[in-house]
Amino acid sequence: ECSAAAALGMAYFFVLRGQNAFDVRWCRGNVGERILEPWVGFLEGKGVRFLCGTKVMGLDDDGGDGTITKVLCSSVGGDGETFA
């Protein structure tokens, strides 16, 4: 495993450096502070709940119109729980 920063660094070195027609924008500052935290705040403002230590196992769209109505999660211990 490697960090996102290391992966981006390797991508730049092996792929992007040799591409003249590749449009890349690098984040100026900490990616978490500049991109992820504002995005999480935006989603929480829309009613999204983030549950640490869980893994999404499935999604339900009871209405059949493509709108997600439930999220099935599994905790670290493996217990399943549904959130609406």
C-alpha atoms as a PDB file:
ATOM      1  CA  GLU A   1       0.000   0.000   0.000  1.00  0.00           C
ATOM      2  CA  CYS A   2       1.071   3.570  -0.538  1.00  0.00           C
ATOM      3  CA  SER A   3      -0.353   6.948   0.324  1.00  0.00           C
ATOM      4  CA  ALA A   4      -2.311   9.012  -2.182  1.00  0.00           C
ATOM      5  CA  ALA A   5       0.541  11.531  -2.306  1.00  0.00           C
ATOM      6  CA  ALA A   6       3.047   8.785  -3.132  1.00  0.00           C
ATOM      7  CA  ALA A   7       0.731   7.377  -5.819  1.00  0.00           C
ATOM      8  CA  LEU A   8       0.334  10.817  -7.400  1.00  0.00           C
ATOM      9  CA  GLY A   9       4.080  11.328  -7.279  1.00  0.00           C
ATOM     10  CA  MET A  10       4.668   8.010  -9.032  1.00  0.00           C
ATOM     11  CA  ALA A  11       1.974   8.795 -11.611  1.00  0.00           C
ATOM     12  CA  TYR A  12       3.663  12.100 -12.370  1.00  0.00           C
ATOM     13  CA  PHE A  13       7.098  10.532 -12.664  1.00  0.00           C
ATOM     14  CA  PHE A  14       6.153   7.520 -14.801  1.00  0.00           C
ATOM     15  CA  VAL A  15       3.218   8.792 -16.846  1.00  0.00           C
ATOM     16  CA  LEU A  16       2.553  12.502 -16.837  1.00  0.00           C
ATOM     17  CA  ARG A  17       6.101  13.812 -17.124  1.00  0.00           C
ATOM     18  CA  GLY A  18       6.401  12.488 -20.671  1.00  0.00           C
ATOM     19  CA  GLN A  19       2.995  13.764 -21.810  1.00  0.00           C
ATOM     20  CA  ASN A  20       3.007  17.225 -23.378  1.00  0.00           C
ATOM     21  CA  ALA A  21      -0.752  17.365 -23.977  1.00  0.00           C
ATOM     22  CA  PHE A  22      -1.921  16.231 -20.537  1.00  0.00           C
ATOM     23  CA  ASP A  23      -3.753  18.851 -18.432  1.00  0.00           C
ATOM     24  CA  VAL A  24      -2.964  18.292 -14.754  1.00  0.00           C
ATOM     25  CA  ARG A  25      -3.701  20.555 -11.818  1.00  0.00           C
ATOM     26  CA  TRP A  26      -1.886  19.917  -8.564  1.00  0.00           C
ATOM     27  CA  CYS A  27      -3.449  20.906  -5.271  1.00  0.00           C
ATOM     28  CA  ARG A  28      -1.660  23.763  -3.520  1.00  0.00           C
ATOM     29  CA  GLY A  29      -1.782  22.761   0.097  1.00  0.00           C
ATOM     30  CA  ASN A  30      -3.038  19.797   2.052  1.00  0.00           C
ATOM     31  CA  VAL A  31      -5.551  17.759  -0.013  1.00  0.00           C
ATOM     32  CA  GLY A  32      -7.563  16.882   3.095  1.00  0.00           C
ATOM     33  CA  GLU A  33      -7.905  20.493   4.187  1.00  0.00           C
ATOM     34  CA  ARG A  34      -8.396  21.995   0.724  1.00  0.00           C
ATOM     35  CA  ILE A  35     -10.652  19.374  -0.910  1.00  0.00           C
ATOM     36  CA  LEU A  36     -11.881  16.567   1.352  1.00  0.00           C
ATOM     37  CA  GLU A  37     -12.917  18.522   4.467  1.00  0.00           C
ATOM     38  CA  PRO A  38     -15.017  21.088   2.530  1.00  0.00           C
ATOM     39  CA  TRP A  39     -16.623  18.255   0.544  1.00  0.00           C
ATOM     40  CA  VAL A  40     -17.445  16.305   3.729  1.00  0.00           C
ATOM     41  CA  GLY A  41     -18.926  19.483   5.261  1.00  0.00           C
ATOM     42  CA  PHE A  42     -21.047  20.042   2.150  1.00  0.00           C
ATOM     43  CA  LEU A  43     -22.341  16.459   2.211  1.00  0.00           C
ATOM     44  CA  GLU A  44     -23.056  16.602   5.972  1.00  0.00           C
ATOM     45  CA  GLY A  45     -25.054  19.783   5.303  1.00  0.00           C
ATOM     46  CA  LYS A  46     -27.159  17.707   2.892  1.00  0.00           C
ATOM     47  CA  GLY A  47     -27.855  15.123   5.632  1.00  0.00           C
ATOM     48  CA  VAL A  48     -25.118  12.588   4.842  1.00  0.00           C
ATOM     49  CA  ARG A  49     -23.725  10.750   7.880  1.00  0.00           C
ATOM     50  CA  PHE A  50     -20.162   9.393   7.832  1.00  0.00           C
ATOM     51  CA  LEU A  51     -19.589   6.277   9.940  1.00  0.00           C
ATOM     52  CA  CYS A  52     -15.959   5.488  10.656  1.00  0.00           C
ATOM     53  CA  GLY A  53     -14.995   1.830  10.895  1.00  0.00           C
ATOM     54  CA  THR A  54     -17.753   0.659   8.546  1.00  0.00           C
ATOM     55  CA  LYS A  55     -17.807  -0.712   5.031  1.00  0.00           C
ATOM     56  CA  VAL A  56     -20.674  -0.196   2.582  1.00  0.00           C
ATOM     57  CA  MET A  57     -21.999  -3.619   1.564  1.00  0.00           C
ATOM     58  CA  GLY A  58     -24.929  -2.537  -0.569  1.00  0.00           C
ATOM     59  CA  LEU A  59     -27.435   0.135  -1.558  1.00  0.00           C
ATOM     60  CA  ASP A  60     -31.236  -0.023  -1.808  1.00  0.00           C
ATOM     61  CA  ASP A  61     -33.541   2.010  -4.009  1.00  0.00           C
ATOM     62  CA  ASP A  62     -36.938   0.910  -2.704  1.00  0.00           C
ATOM     63  CA  GLY A  63     -38.797   3.367  -4.898  1.00  0.00           C
ATOM     64  CA  GLY A  64     -37.343   1.942  -8.089  1.00  0.00           C
ATOM     65  CA  ASP A  65     -36.558   5.424  -9.419  1.00  0.00           C
ATOM     66  CA  GLY A  66     -32.808   5.158  -8.778  1.00  0.00           C
ATOM     67  CA  THR A  67     -32.871   7.205  -5.567  1.00  0.00           C
ATOM     68  CA  ILE A  68     -30.872   5.519  -2.810  1.00  0.00           C
ATOM     69  CA  THR A  69     -33.098   5.033   0.225  1.00  0.00           C
ATOM     70  CA  LYS A  70     -30.955   2.717   2.384  1.00  0.00           C
ATOM     71  CA  VAL A  71     -27.302   1.850   2.865  1.00  0.00           C
ATOM     72  CA  LEU A  72     -26.287  -1.581   4.188  1.00  0.00           C
ATOM     73  CA  CYS A  73     -23.077  -1.327   6.239  1.00  0.00           C
ATOM     74  CA  SER A  74     -20.815  -3.820   7.936  1.00  0.00           C
ATOM     75  CA  SER A  75     -18.818  -2.833  10.996  1.00  0.00           C
ATOM     76  CA  VAL A  76     -15.253  -3.924  11.646  1.00  0.00           C
ATOM     77  CA  GLY A  77     -16.621  -6.896  13.609  1.00  0.00           C
ATOM     78  CA  GLY A  78     -18.771  -7.921  10.664  1.00  0.00           C
ATOM     79  CA  ASP A  79     -22.246  -7.073  12.031  1.00  0.00           C
ATOM     80  CA  GLY A  80     -24.594  -5.754   9.350  1.00  0.00           C
ATOM     81  CA  GLU A  81     -26.734  -2.692   9.886  1.00  0.00           C
ATOM     82  CA  THR A  82     -29.076  -0.781   7.601  1.00  0.00           C
ATOM     83  CA  PHE A  83     -29.312   3.000   7.579  1.00  0.00           C
ATOM     84  CA  ALA A  84     -32.141   4.871   5.900  1.00  0.00           C
END
